[in-house]
Amino acid sequence: MFTDPGAGLTRDKTRRRGLSKLLDWLEGQPGETWQDRWMASGADAAGFEWTDLPLHGRGTPKSHRRDELATGLVLLVAGQVIRPSYPWLLRQRVTVMLTEARAASDPVASQRLEQLAQHATPTARSDALNKLTWIVIRKGGLVSDITVGDCIELTTALEEYHFRGSAGRPLFYALLKETGVLPASAPLRLRVLRIEGRRSAEHRRRVRHRVPGRP
């Protein structure tokens, strides 16, 4: 994963520098694992501006320094060393991260799913593959480990973070059903999951705003 023959020596060196700098910074954060340190650092909550944190105190951040850190993070995410939250992932929209995560974590399944989706429009196909990749990045493991609960969690996140159009596109769910990843007992349609997701989100909001002492 460090060396991509098609990427060229320059990008490979950039990745190595970025990975080294990122790990050096994370090593100074509290936690027992890289995931713990990523969350404790505040980088996940910072979203698109996460590179400001490791560059703090080093003068005006330069674009090449940001690029180095970003390419280093791609390696950690693709290798499932770090599993960012959905809010962070949905803010990034970095195509290279999703592409490399598919290639590194479960290339056989990714290729099969892409072939099965050839009948769909390029937009729908890309949307489905991105959703499946987001789930694998967030949860870890393989495509075959995805559950109905994972689909609900992603769909709810898309709804909550204003990706409602994408939330309603059902191809990713249909692919999981078609390949037998989801059990026969799983709902046939994504729409059912969207309703369940909205109910779950509404329940969480009510719990957060419930007045102490009231039922």
N, C-alpha and C. Protein backbone atom coordinates (compact mmCIF):
# COMPACT_ATOMS: atom_id res chain seq x y z
N MET A 1 0.83 -1.20 0.00
CA MET A 1 0.00 0.00 0.00
C MET A 1 0.86 1.26 0.00
N PHE A 2 2.12 1.15 0.49
CA PHE A 2 2.98 2.32 0.49
C PHE A 2 3.39 2.70 -0.94
N THR A 3 3.61 1.71 -1.77
CA THR A 3 4.11 2.00 -3.11
C THR A 3 3.09 1.59 -4.15
N ASP A 4 2.64 2.55 -4.91
CA ASP A 4 1.70 2.33 -6.00
C ASP A 4 2.45 2.57 -7.30
N PRO A 5 2.68 1.52 -8.13
CA PRO A 5 3.47 1.69 -9.36
C PRO A 5 2.91 2.76 -10.27
N GLY A 6 1.60 3.00 -10.21
CA GLY A 6 1.01 3.99 -11.08
C GLY A 6 1.02 5.39 -10.51
N ALA A 7 1.43 5.51 -9.27
CA ALA A 7 1.36 6.81 -8.60
C ALA A 7 2.61 7.64 -8.81
N GLY A 8 3.74 6.97 -9.04
CA GLY A 8 4.98 7.71 -9.22
C GLY A 8 5.73 7.85 -7.90
N LEU A 9 7.04 8.01 -8.02
CA LEU A 9 7.90 8.08 -6.85
C LEU A 9 7.62 9.30 -5.99
N THR A 10 7.26 10.42 -6.62
CA THR A 10 7.02 11.64 -5.86
C THR A 10 5.87 11.48 -4.89
N ARG A 11 4.73 10.93 -5.35
CA ARG A 11 3.60 10.76 -4.46
C ARG A 11 3.89 9.73 -3.38
N ASP A 12 4.66 8.73 -3.73
CA ASP A 12 5.03 7.72 -2.73
C ASP A 12 5.83 8.35 -1.61
N LYS A 13 6.78 9.23 -1.95
CA LYS A 13 7.58 9.91 -0.93
C LYS A 13 6.69 10.85 -0.10
N THR A 14 5.75 11.51 -0.76
CA THR A 14 4.83 12.40 -0.03
C THR A 14 4.02 11.62 0.98
N ARG A 15 3.57 10.44 0.59
CA ARG A 15 2.80 9.61 1.51
C ARG A 15 3.64 9.19 2.71
N ARG A 16 4.85 8.81 2.46
CA ARG A 16 5.71 8.38 3.56
C ARG A 16 5.95 9.53 4.54
N ARG A 17 6.22 10.73 4.01
CA ARG A 17 6.43 11.87 4.89
C ARG A 17 5.15 12.19 5.67
N GLY A 18 4.03 12.18 4.96
CA GLY A 18 2.76 12.50 5.61
C GLY A 18 2.41 11.49 6.69
N LEU A 19 2.62 10.23 6.40
CA LEU A 19 2.31 9.19 7.39
C LEU A 19 3.20 9.34 8.62
N SER A 20 4.49 9.59 8.39
CA SER A 20 5.42 9.75 9.50
C SER A 20 5.03 10.94 10.39
N LYS A 21 4.71 12.07 9.76
CA LYS A 21 4.34 13.27 10.52
C LYS A 21 3.03 13.06 11.28
N LEU A 22 2.09 12.39 10.64
CA LEU A 22 0.80 12.16 11.28
C LEU A 22 0.93 11.23 12.47
N LEU A 23 1.71 10.17 12.33
CA LEU A 23 1.90 9.23 13.43
C LEU A 23 2.67 9.89 14.57
N ASP A 24 3.65 10.73 14.24
CA ASP A 24 4.39 11.44 15.28
C ASP A 24 3.44 12.31 16.11
N TRP A 25 2.52 12.99 15.42
CA TRP A 25 1.56 13.85 16.13
C TRP A 25 0.58 13.03 16.95
N LEU A 26 0.05 11.96 16.36
CA LEU A 26 -0.92 11.13 17.08
C LEU A 26 -0.29 10.44 18.29
N GLU A 27 1.00 10.15 18.19
CA GLU A 27 1.68 9.48 19.29
C GLU A 27 1.68 10.34 20.56
N GLY A 28 1.56 11.65 20.37
CA GLY A 28 1.52 12.57 21.51
C GLY A 28 0.13 12.75 22.10
N GLN A 29 -0.86 12.10 21.53
CA GLN A 29 -2.23 12.21 22.02
C GLN A 29 -2.52 11.08 23.00
N PRO A 30 -3.46 11.29 23.93
CA PRO A 30 -3.77 10.22 24.89
C PRO A 30 -4.53 9.07 24.24
N GLY A 31 -4.28 7.87 24.74
CA GLY A 31 -4.99 6.70 24.23
C GLY A 31 -4.08 5.52 24.06
N GLU A 32 -4.67 4.33 24.00
CA GLU A 32 -3.89 3.11 23.86
C GLU A 32 -3.76 2.66 22.41
N THR A 33 -4.67 3.09 21.54
CA THR A 33 -4.63 2.71 20.13
C THR A 33 -4.60 3.97 19.28
N TRP A 34 -4.27 3.80 18.00
CA TRP A 34 -4.28 4.94 17.09
C TRP A 34 -5.70 5.51 16.97
N GLN A 35 -6.69 4.63 17.02
CA GLN A 35 -8.08 5.10 16.96
C GLN A 35 -8.41 5.96 18.18
N ASP A 36 -7.99 5.49 19.37
CA ASP A 36 -8.21 6.28 20.59
C ASP A 36 -7.56 7.66 20.47
N ARG A 37 -6.35 7.67 19.95
CA ARG A 37 -5.61 8.94 19.85
C ARG A 37 -6.23 9.86 18.81
N TRP A 38 -6.72 9.27 17.73
CA TRP A 38 -7.40 10.08 16.71
C TRP A 38 -8.62 10.78 17.31
N MET A 39 -9.43 10.06 18.05
CA MET A 39 -10.63 10.64 18.65
C MET A 39 -10.26 11.66 19.73
N ALA A 40 -9.25 11.34 20.55
CA ALA A 40 -8.86 12.24 21.63
C ALA A 40 -8.23 13.53 21.11
N SER A 41 -7.65 13.48 19.93
CA SER A 41 -6.96 14.65 19.37
C SER A 41 -7.89 15.78 18.97
N GLY A 42 -9.16 15.45 18.76
CA GLY A 42 -10.11 16.44 18.27
C GLY A 42 -10.18 16.52 16.76
N ALA A 43 -9.36 15.73 16.08
CA ALA A 43 -9.32 15.77 14.62
C ALA A 43 -10.64 15.32 14.00
N ASP A 44 -11.24 14.31 14.60
CA ASP A 44 -12.50 13.81 14.05
C ASP A 44 -13.59 14.88 14.15
N ALA A 45 -13.65 15.54 15.29
CA ALA A 45 -14.67 16.58 15.48
C ALA A 45 -14.38 17.81 14.62
N ALA A 46 -13.11 18.01 14.23
CA ALA A 46 -12.74 19.19 13.44
C ALA A 46 -13.18 19.09 11.99
N GLY A 47 -13.52 17.89 11.54
CA GLY A 47 -14.01 17.72 10.18
C GLY A 47 -13.01 18.12 9.13
N PHE A 48 -13.44 18.97 8.20
CA PHE A 48 -12.61 19.36 7.07
C PHE A 48 -11.34 20.09 7.50
N GLU A 49 -11.37 20.72 8.66
CA GLU A 49 -10.22 21.51 9.13
C GLU A 49 -9.29 20.72 10.03
N TRP A 50 -9.34 19.40 9.98
CA TRP A 50 -8.58 18.59 10.92
C TRP A 50 -7.07 18.81 10.82
N THR A 51 -6.56 19.14 9.63
CA THR A 51 -5.11 19.32 9.48
C THR A 51 -4.59 20.54 10.25
N ASP A 52 -5.48 21.44 10.64
CA ASP A 52 -5.04 22.60 11.43
C ASP A 52 -4.44 22.17 12.77
N LEU A 53 -4.92 21.04 13.29
CA LEU A 53 -4.47 20.61 14.63
C LEU A 53 -3.01 20.15 14.63
N PRO A 54 -2.60 19.21 13.78
CA PRO A 54 -1.18 18.84 13.80
C PRO A 54 -0.25 19.94 13.31
N LEU A 55 -0.80 20.93 12.57
CA LEU A 55 0.04 22.02 12.06
C LEU A 55 0.04 23.23 12.98
N HIS A 56 -0.72 23.16 14.07
CA HIS A 56 -0.80 24.30 14.99
C HIS A 56 0.58 24.63 15.58
N GLY A 57 0.90 25.91 15.57
CA GLY A 57 2.18 26.35 16.14
C GLY A 57 3.34 26.24 15.19
N ARG A 58 3.08 25.88 13.94
CA ARG A 58 4.16 25.74 12.96
C ARG A 58 4.11 26.82 11.89
N GLY A 59 3.60 27.97 12.27
CA GLY A 59 3.48 29.06 11.31
C GLY A 59 2.25 28.90 10.45
N THR A 60 2.16 29.70 9.43
CA THR A 60 1.02 29.64 8.52
C THR A 60 1.02 28.29 7.79
N PRO A 61 -0.08 27.53 7.92
CA PRO A 61 -0.12 26.21 7.26
C PRO A 61 0.04 26.34 5.75
N LYS A 62 0.92 25.55 5.19
CA LYS A 62 1.14 25.53 3.74
C LYS A 62 0.31 24.40 3.12
N SER A 63 -0.09 24.60 1.88
CA SER A 63 -0.93 23.61 1.22
C SER A 63 -0.22 22.27 1.10
N HIS A 64 1.10 22.29 0.86
CA HIS A 64 1.81 21.02 0.70
C HIS A 64 1.88 20.26 2.02
N ARG A 65 1.91 20.99 3.15
CA ARG A 65 1.91 20.31 4.45
C ARG A 65 0.56 19.64 4.69
N ARG A 66 -0.50 20.33 4.33
CA ARG A 66 -1.83 19.73 4.45
C ARG A 66 -1.95 18.50 3.56
N ASP A 67 -1.44 18.60 2.35
CA ASP A 67 -1.50 17.48 1.41
C ASP A 67 -0.74 16.27 1.94
N GLU A 68 0.41 16.51 2.54
CA GLU A 68 1.19 15.41 3.11
C GLU A 68 0.40 14.68 4.18
N LEU A 69 -0.19 15.45 5.11
CA LEU A 69 -0.96 14.84 6.18
C LEU A 69 -2.17 14.09 5.63
N ALA A 70 -2.83 14.68 4.63
CA ALA A 70 -4.01 14.05 4.05
C ALA A 70 -3.65 12.72 3.38
N THR A 71 -2.54 12.68 2.67
CA THR A 71 -2.15 11.43 2.02
C THR A 71 -1.72 10.39 3.05
N GLY A 72 -1.11 10.84 4.15
CA GLY A 72 -0.77 9.91 5.21
C GLY A 72 -2.01 9.32 5.86
N LEU A 73 -3.03 10.16 6.04
CA LEU A 73 -4.27 9.68 6.65
C LEU A 73 -4.98 8.68 5.75
N VAL A 74 -4.88 8.86 4.44
CA VAL A 74 -5.49 7.90 3.51
C VAL A 74 -4.98 6.50 3.80
N LEU A 75 -3.69 6.37 4.05
CA LEU A 75 -3.10 5.06 4.34
C LEU A 75 -3.67 4.46 5.63
N LEU A 76 -3.81 5.30 6.66
CA LEU A 76 -4.33 4.81 7.94
C LEU A 76 -5.79 4.41 7.84
N VAL A 77 -6.56 5.18 7.07
CA VAL A 77 -7.98 4.87 6.91
C VAL A 77 -8.17 3.64 6.03
N ALA A 78 -7.45 3.59 4.92
CA ALA A 78 -7.57 2.44 4.02
C ALA A 78 -7.13 1.15 4.70
N GLY A 79 -6.15 1.26 5.59
CA GLY A 79 -5.68 0.09 6.32
C GLY A 79 -6.49 -0.23 7.57
N GLN A 80 -7.57 0.54 7.81
CA GLN A 80 -8.47 0.36 8.95
C GLN A 80 -7.75 0.52 10.29
N VAL A 81 -6.69 1.33 10.28
CA VAL A 81 -6.00 1.67 11.52
C VAL A 81 -6.81 2.74 12.26
N ILE A 82 -7.40 3.65 11.48
CA ILE A 82 -8.27 4.69 12.01
C ILE A 82 -9.64 4.57 11.35
N ARG A 83 -10.69 4.68 12.15
CA ARG A 83 -12.06 4.57 11.64
C ARG A 83 -12.81 5.86 11.97
N PRO A 84 -12.74 6.86 11.11
CA PRO A 84 -13.41 8.14 11.39
C PRO A 84 -14.93 7.96 11.49
N SER A 85 -15.56 8.93 12.14
CA SER A 85 -17.01 8.92 12.28
C SER A 85 -17.68 9.29 10.97
N TYR A 86 -18.98 9.02 10.87
CA TYR A 86 -19.71 9.41 9.67
C TYR A 86 -19.72 10.92 9.45
N PRO A 87 -19.92 11.74 10.49
CA PRO A 87 -19.86 13.19 10.24
C PRO A 87 -18.55 13.62 9.59
N TRP A 88 -17.43 13.06 10.05
CA TRP A 88 -16.13 13.40 9.46
C TRP A 88 -16.06 12.91 8.01
N LEU A 89 -16.44 11.66 7.78
CA LEU A 89 -16.37 11.09 6.43
C LEU A 89 -17.24 11.84 5.44
N LEU A 90 -18.44 12.22 5.87
CA LEU A 90 -19.36 12.89 4.96
C LEU A 90 -18.91 14.31 4.63
N ARG A 91 -18.08 14.90 5.48
CA ARG A 91 -17.56 16.24 5.19
C ARG A 91 -16.39 16.20 4.21
N GLN A 92 -15.69 15.08 4.15
CA GLN A 92 -14.47 15.02 3.34
C GLN A 92 -14.76 14.88 1.85
N ARG A 93 -15.56 13.87 1.49
CA ARG A 93 -15.87 13.60 0.08
C ARG A 93 -14.59 13.44 -0.74
N VAL A 94 -13.62 12.73 -0.19
CA VAL A 94 -12.34 12.54 -0.87
C VAL A 94 -12.38 11.23 -1.66
N THR A 95 -12.42 11.35 -2.97
CA THR A 95 -12.56 10.17 -3.83
C THR A 95 -11.39 9.21 -3.67
N VAL A 96 -10.17 9.74 -3.58
CA VAL A 96 -9.00 8.87 -3.49
C VAL A 96 -9.03 8.02 -2.24
N MET A 97 -9.54 8.56 -1.13
CA MET A 97 -9.62 7.79 0.11
C MET A 97 -10.57 6.61 -0.05
N LEU A 98 -11.71 6.84 -0.69
CA LEU A 98 -12.69 5.78 -0.88
C LEU A 98 -12.15 4.72 -1.84
N THR A 99 -11.52 5.17 -2.91
CA THR A 99 -10.97 4.24 -3.89
C THR A 99 -9.91 3.34 -3.27
N GLU A 100 -9.02 3.93 -2.49
CA GLU A 100 -7.94 3.15 -1.90
C GLU A 100 -8.43 2.27 -0.76
N ALA A 101 -9.47 2.71 -0.06
CA ALA A 101 -10.04 1.87 0.99
C ALA A 101 -10.65 0.61 0.37
N ARG A 102 -11.31 0.76 -0.77
CA ARG A 102 -11.88 -0.41 -1.45
C ARG A 102 -10.78 -1.36 -1.90
N ALA A 103 -9.72 -0.80 -2.45
CA ALA A 103 -8.62 -1.63 -2.96
C ALA A 103 -7.87 -2.34 -1.84
N ALA A 104 -7.77 -1.70 -0.68
CA ALA A 104 -6.98 -2.26 0.41
C ALA A 104 -7.77 -3.23 1.29
N SER A 105 -9.04 -2.90 1.55
CA SER A 105 -9.79 -3.67 2.55
C SER A 105 -10.49 -4.90 1.99
N ASP A 106 -11.10 -4.77 0.79
CA ASP A 106 -11.89 -5.89 0.26
C ASP A 106 -12.00 -5.77 -1.26
N PRO A 107 -10.89 -5.90 -1.97
CA PRO A 107 -10.90 -5.65 -3.42
C PRO A 107 -11.78 -6.62 -4.21
N VAL A 108 -11.83 -7.88 -3.81
CA VAL A 108 -12.63 -8.87 -4.55
C VAL A 108 -14.11 -8.52 -4.48
N ALA A 109 -14.57 -8.23 -3.28
CA ALA A 109 -15.98 -7.87 -3.11
C ALA A 109 -16.31 -6.56 -3.82
N SER A 110 -15.41 -5.61 -3.75
CA SER A 110 -15.64 -4.32 -4.40
C SER A 110 -15.77 -4.48 -5.91
N GLN A 111 -14.91 -5.29 -6.51
CA GLN A 111 -14.97 -5.52 -7.95
C GLN A 111 -16.25 -6.25 -8.33
N ARG A 112 -16.65 -7.20 -7.51
CA ARG A 112 -17.89 -7.94 -7.81
C ARG A 112 -19.10 -7.02 -7.74
N LEU A 113 -19.15 -6.19 -6.71
CA LEU A 113 -20.28 -5.28 -6.56
C LEU A 113 -20.32 -4.26 -7.70
N GLU A 114 -19.16 -3.79 -8.12
CA GLU A 114 -19.12 -2.84 -9.22
C GLU A 114 -19.63 -3.48 -10.51
N GLN A 115 -19.29 -4.75 -10.72
CA GLN A 115 -19.78 -5.45 -11.91
C GLN A 115 -21.29 -5.64 -11.85
N LEU A 116 -21.80 -5.96 -10.68
CA LEU A 116 -23.24 -6.15 -10.52
C LEU A 116 -24.01 -4.84 -10.74
N ALA A 117 -23.33 -3.73 -10.51
CA ALA A 117 -23.98 -2.43 -10.63
C ALA A 117 -23.80 -1.80 -12.01
N GLN A 118 -23.27 -2.55 -12.97
CA GLN A 118 -23.01 -1.99 -14.29
C GLN A 118 -24.27 -1.51 -14.99
N HIS A 119 -25.41 -2.08 -14.61
CA HIS A 119 -26.67 -1.69 -15.24
C HIS A 119 -27.12 -0.29 -14.81
N ALA A 120 -26.59 0.18 -13.70
CA ALA A 120 -27.03 1.47 -13.13
C ALA A 120 -26.31 2.62 -13.82
N THR A 121 -26.83 3.82 -13.61
CA THR A 121 -26.17 5.01 -14.13
C THR A 121 -24.85 5.21 -13.38
N PRO A 122 -23.88 5.91 -13.98
CA PRO A 122 -22.61 6.15 -13.29
C PRO A 122 -22.80 6.82 -11.93
N THR A 123 -23.76 7.75 -11.83
CA THR A 123 -24.00 8.43 -10.56
C THR A 123 -24.51 7.46 -9.50
N ALA A 124 -25.48 6.64 -9.88
CA ALA A 124 -26.04 5.67 -8.92
C ALA A 124 -25.00 4.64 -8.52
N ARG A 125 -24.20 4.20 -9.47
CA ARG A 125 -23.17 3.20 -9.18
C ARG A 125 -22.13 3.77 -8.22
N SER A 126 -21.67 4.98 -8.49
CA SER A 126 -20.69 5.63 -7.62
C SER A 126 -21.27 5.84 -6.22
N ASP A 127 -22.51 6.26 -6.15
CA ASP A 127 -23.17 6.49 -4.87
C ASP A 127 -23.23 5.21 -4.05
N ALA A 128 -23.58 4.09 -4.70
CA ALA A 128 -23.69 2.81 -4.00
C ALA A 128 -22.34 2.35 -3.47
N LEU A 129 -21.31 2.43 -4.31
CA LEU A 129 -19.98 1.99 -3.89
C LEU A 129 -19.44 2.86 -2.77
N ASN A 130 -19.70 4.16 -2.85
CA ASN A 130 -19.25 5.05 -1.78
C ASN A 130 -19.91 4.70 -0.45
N LYS A 131 -21.20 4.42 -0.48
CA LYS A 131 -21.90 4.08 0.75
C LYS A 131 -21.36 2.81 1.37
N LEU A 132 -21.14 1.81 0.55
CA LEU A 132 -20.60 0.55 1.06
C LEU A 132 -19.19 0.76 1.63
N THR A 133 -18.42 1.63 0.98
CA THR A 133 -17.07 1.91 1.47
C THR A 133 -17.11 2.69 2.77
N TRP A 134 -18.02 3.65 2.90
CA TRP A 134 -18.16 4.39 4.14
C TRP A 134 -18.44 3.43 5.30
N ILE A 135 -19.33 2.47 5.06
CA ILE A 135 -19.67 1.53 6.13
C ILE A 135 -18.45 0.71 6.53
N VAL A 136 -17.71 0.21 5.55
CA VAL A 136 -16.53 -0.60 5.86
C VAL A 136 -15.48 0.23 6.58
N ILE A 137 -15.27 1.47 6.14
CA ILE A 137 -14.31 2.35 6.82
C ILE A 137 -14.73 2.57 8.27
N ARG A 138 -15.99 2.87 8.47
CA ARG A 138 -16.48 3.21 9.81
C ARG A 138 -16.49 2.00 10.74
N LYS A 139 -16.93 0.85 10.25
CA LYS A 139 -17.11 -0.31 11.11
C LYS A 139 -15.90 -1.24 11.13
N GLY A 140 -15.08 -1.20 10.07
CA GLY A 140 -13.99 -2.14 9.95
C GLY A 140 -14.47 -3.46 9.35
N GLY A 141 -13.55 -4.34 9.06
CA GLY A 141 -13.92 -5.63 8.51
C GLY A 141 -14.10 -5.62 7.01
N LEU A 142 -15.00 -6.49 6.53
CA LEU A 142 -15.23 -6.67 5.10
C LEU A 142 -16.65 -6.31 4.73
N VAL A 143 -16.91 -6.26 3.43
CA VAL A 143 -18.27 -6.01 2.96
C VAL A 143 -19.21 -7.09 3.50
N SER A 144 -18.73 -8.32 3.55
CA SER A 144 -19.56 -9.43 4.03
C SER A 144 -19.94 -9.30 5.50
N ASP A 145 -19.30 -8.39 6.23
CA ASP A 145 -19.62 -8.18 7.64
C ASP A 145 -20.70 -7.13 7.85
N ILE A 146 -21.14 -6.46 6.78
CA ILE A 146 -22.14 -5.40 6.91
C ILE A 146 -23.48 -5.99 7.34
N THR A 147 -24.14 -5.31 8.27
CA THR A 147 -25.42 -5.77 8.79
C THR A 147 -26.52 -4.76 8.45
N VAL A 148 -27.76 -5.17 8.69
CA VAL A 148 -28.89 -4.26 8.51
C VAL A 148 -28.72 -3.03 9.41
N GLY A 149 -28.25 -3.27 10.64
CA GLY A 149 -28.02 -2.17 11.56
C GLY A 149 -27.03 -1.16 11.02
N ASP A 150 -25.99 -1.64 10.32
CA ASP A 150 -25.01 -0.74 9.71
C ASP A 150 -25.68 0.12 8.63
N CYS A 151 -26.57 -0.47 7.86
CA CYS A 151 -27.28 0.27 6.81
C CYS A 151 -28.17 1.35 7.42
N ILE A 152 -28.83 1.01 8.53
CA ILE A 152 -29.67 1.98 9.21
C ILE A 152 -28.82 3.13 9.74
N GLU A 153 -27.66 2.80 10.34
CA GLU A 153 -26.79 3.83 10.91
C GLU A 153 -26.30 4.80 9.84
N LEU A 154 -25.89 4.27 8.68
CA LEU A 154 -25.41 5.15 7.61
C LEU A 154 -26.56 6.00 7.06
N THR A 155 -27.70 5.37 6.82
CA THR A 155 -28.84 6.11 6.27
C THR A 155 -29.28 7.22 7.21
N THR A 156 -29.26 6.95 8.50
CA THR A 156 -29.62 7.97 9.49
C THR A 156 -28.60 9.11 9.47
N ALA A 157 -27.32 8.77 9.36
CA ALA A 157 -26.27 9.81 9.30
C ALA A 157 -26.45 10.68 8.06
N LEU A 158 -26.78 10.07 6.93
CA LEU A 158 -27.01 10.84 5.71
C LEU A 158 -28.19 11.79 5.87
N GLU A 159 -29.23 11.31 6.52
CA GLU A 159 -30.40 12.16 6.78
C GLU A 159 -30.03 13.32 7.71
N GLU A 160 -29.32 13.01 8.78
CA GLU A 160 -29.01 14.02 9.80
C GLU A 160 -28.04 15.08 9.28
N TYR A 161 -27.17 14.70 8.35
CA TYR A 161 -26.16 15.64 7.87
C TYR A 161 -26.49 16.13 6.45
N HIS A 162 -27.81 16.15 6.15
CA HIS A 162 -28.33 16.84 4.97
C HIS A 162 -27.89 16.23 3.65
N PHE A 163 -27.80 14.90 3.61
CA PHE A 163 -27.58 14.19 2.37
C PHE A 163 -28.85 13.39 2.04
N ARG A 164 -30.00 14.06 2.14
CA ARG A 164 -31.28 13.35 2.02
C ARG A 164 -31.46 12.72 0.64
N GLY A 165 -30.99 13.40 -0.40
CA GLY A 165 -31.10 12.83 -1.74
C GLY A 165 -30.34 11.52 -1.84
N SER A 166 -29.12 11.53 -1.31
CA SER A 166 -28.30 10.32 -1.34
C SER A 166 -28.88 9.24 -0.43
N ALA A 167 -29.46 9.65 0.69
CA ALA A 167 -30.01 8.69 1.64
C ALA A 167 -31.10 7.84 1.00
N GLY A 168 -31.82 8.40 0.03
CA GLY A 168 -32.92 7.68 -0.58
C GLY A 168 -32.53 6.80 -1.75
N ARG A 169 -31.27 6.82 -2.16
CA ARG A 169 -30.85 5.98 -3.28
C ARG A 169 -30.62 4.56 -2.78
N PRO A 170 -31.35 3.57 -3.32
CA PRO A 170 -31.39 2.24 -2.72
C PRO A 170 -30.40 1.22 -3.27
N LEU A 171 -29.56 1.60 -4.26
CA LEU A 171 -28.76 0.59 -4.93
C LEU A 171 -27.81 -0.13 -3.98
N PHE A 172 -27.18 0.58 -3.06
CA PHE A 172 -26.22 -0.09 -2.16
C PHE A 172 -26.89 -1.19 -1.36
N TYR A 173 -28.12 -0.93 -0.93
CA TYR A 173 -28.87 -1.91 -0.15
C TYR A 173 -29.28 -3.10 -1.03
N ALA A 174 -29.71 -2.79 -2.25
CA ALA A 174 -30.11 -3.85 -3.18
C ALA A 174 -28.94 -4.77 -3.49
N LEU A 175 -27.74 -4.21 -3.63
CA LEU A 175 -26.55 -5.03 -3.90
C LEU A 175 -26.25 -5.96 -2.73
N LEU A 176 -26.41 -5.46 -1.52
CA LEU A 176 -26.18 -6.30 -0.34
C LEU A 176 -27.19 -7.44 -0.28
N LYS A 177 -28.44 -7.15 -0.64
CA LYS A 177 -29.47 -8.19 -0.66
C LYS A 177 -29.18 -9.21 -1.77
N GLU A 178 -28.82 -8.71 -2.95
CA GLU A 178 -28.60 -9.58 -4.10
C GLU A 178 -27.45 -10.54 -3.89
N THR A 179 -26.40 -10.09 -3.20
CA THR A 179 -25.22 -10.93 -2.98
C THR A 179 -25.32 -11.79 -1.73
N GLY A 180 -26.41 -11.67 -1.00
CA GLY A 180 -26.60 -12.50 0.19
C GLY A 180 -25.87 -12.03 1.42
N VAL A 181 -25.33 -10.81 1.37
CA VAL A 181 -24.66 -10.27 2.57
C VAL A 181 -25.68 -10.05 3.68
N LEU A 182 -26.85 -9.51 3.32
CA LEU A 182 -27.92 -9.33 4.29
C LEU A 182 -28.78 -10.58 4.35
N PRO A 183 -29.28 -10.94 5.50
CA PRO A 183 -30.08 -12.16 5.64
C PRO A 183 -31.41 -12.07 4.92
N ALA A 184 -32.03 -13.22 4.69
CA ALA A 184 -33.33 -13.26 4.01
C ALA A 184 -34.39 -12.50 4.78
N SER A 185 -34.21 -12.41 6.09
CA SER A 185 -35.19 -11.73 6.94
C SER A 185 -35.09 -10.20 6.86
N ALA A 186 -34.05 -9.69 6.22
CA ALA A 186 -33.87 -8.23 6.11
C ALA A 186 -34.98 -7.65 5.24
N PRO A 187 -35.44 -6.43 5.54
CA PRO A 187 -36.47 -5.79 4.70
C PRO A 187 -36.05 -5.76 3.24
N LEU A 188 -37.02 -5.90 2.35
CA LEU A 188 -36.73 -5.92 0.93
C LEU A 188 -36.34 -4.56 0.39
N ARG A 189 -36.83 -3.51 1.02
CA ARG A 189 -36.63 -2.17 0.48
C ARG A 189 -35.91 -1.25 1.46
N LEU A 190 -35.10 -0.36 0.90
CA LEU A 190 -34.38 0.62 1.72
C LEU A 190 -35.36 1.56 2.42
N ARG A 191 -36.49 1.81 1.79
CA ARG A 191 -37.45 2.76 2.36
C ARG A 191 -37.84 2.37 3.79
N VAL A 192 -37.96 1.07 4.04
CA VAL A 192 -38.30 0.61 5.39
C VAL A 192 -37.21 1.02 6.37
N LEU A 193 -35.96 0.89 5.95
CA LEU A 193 -34.84 1.27 6.82
C LEU A 193 -34.82 2.76 7.08
N ARG A 194 -35.17 3.55 6.06
CA ARG A 194 -35.18 5.00 6.23
C ARG A 194 -36.21 5.40 7.27
N ILE A 195 -37.35 4.75 7.25
CA ILE A 195 -38.39 5.04 8.25
C ILE A 195 -37.89 4.67 9.64
N GLU A 196 -37.28 3.48 9.75
CA GLU A 196 -36.73 3.05 11.04
C GLU A 196 -35.63 4.00 11.50
N GLY A 197 -34.80 4.45 10.56
CA GLY A 197 -33.71 5.36 10.91
C GLY A 197 -34.24 6.68 11.43
N ARG A 198 -35.29 7.22 10.78
CA ARG A 198 -35.87 8.49 11.24
C ARG A 198 -36.48 8.33 12.63
N ARG A 199 -37.12 7.21 12.87
CA ARG A 199 -37.70 6.97 14.19
C ARG A 199 -36.61 6.89 15.24
N SER A 200 -35.51 6.21 14.89
CA SER A 200 -34.39 6.09 15.83
C SER A 200 -33.78 7.45 16.13
N ALA A 201 -33.60 8.28 15.07
CA ALA A 201 -33.02 9.61 15.25
C ALA A 201 -33.94 10.48 16.11
N GLU A 202 -35.25 10.39 15.88
CA GLU A 202 -36.20 11.17 16.66
C GLU A 202 -36.18 10.73 18.13
N HIS A 203 -36.04 9.44 18.36
CA HIS A 203 -35.96 8.94 19.73
C HIS A 203 -34.74 9.49 20.43
N ARG A 204 -33.58 9.52 19.72
CA ARG A 204 -32.35 10.04 20.33
C ARG A 204 -32.50 11.52 20.66
N ARG A 205 -33.16 12.27 19.75
CA ARG A 205 -33.35 13.70 20.02
C ARG A 205 -34.23 13.90 21.26
N ARG A 206 -35.25 13.09 21.40
CA ARG A 206 -36.14 13.22 22.55
C ARG A 206 -35.40 12.90 23.85
N VAL A 207 -34.56 11.88 23.79
CA VAL A 207 -33.78 11.50 24.98
C VAL A 207 -32.84 12.63 25.37
N ARG A 208 -32.17 13.25 24.35
CA ARG A 208 -31.22 14.33 24.64
C ARG A 208 -31.92 15.54 25.27
N HIS A 209 -33.15 15.80 24.88
CA HIS A 209 -33.84 17.00 25.33
C HIS A 209 -34.86 16.72 26.44
N ARG A 210 -34.88 15.51 26.92
CA ARG A 210 -35.83 15.17 27.97
C ARG A 210 -35.47 15.90 29.26
N VAL A 211 -36.49 16.46 29.91
CA VAL A 211 -36.28 17.18 31.18
C VAL A 211 -36.01 16.17 32.28
N PRO A 212 -34.90 16.34 33.05
CA PRO A 212 -34.58 15.40 34.13
C PRO A 212 -35.75 15.27 35.10
N GLY A 213 -36.05 14.04 35.48
CA GLY A 213 -37.11 13.80 36.44
C GLY A 213 -38.46 13.50 35.80
N ARG A 214 -38.60 13.80 34.47
CA ARG A 214 -39.84 13.50 33.79
C ARG A 214 -39.72 12.17 33.05
N PRO A 215 -40.81 11.42 32.94
CA PRO A 215 -40.75 10.15 32.24
C PRO A 215 -40.64 10.35 30.73
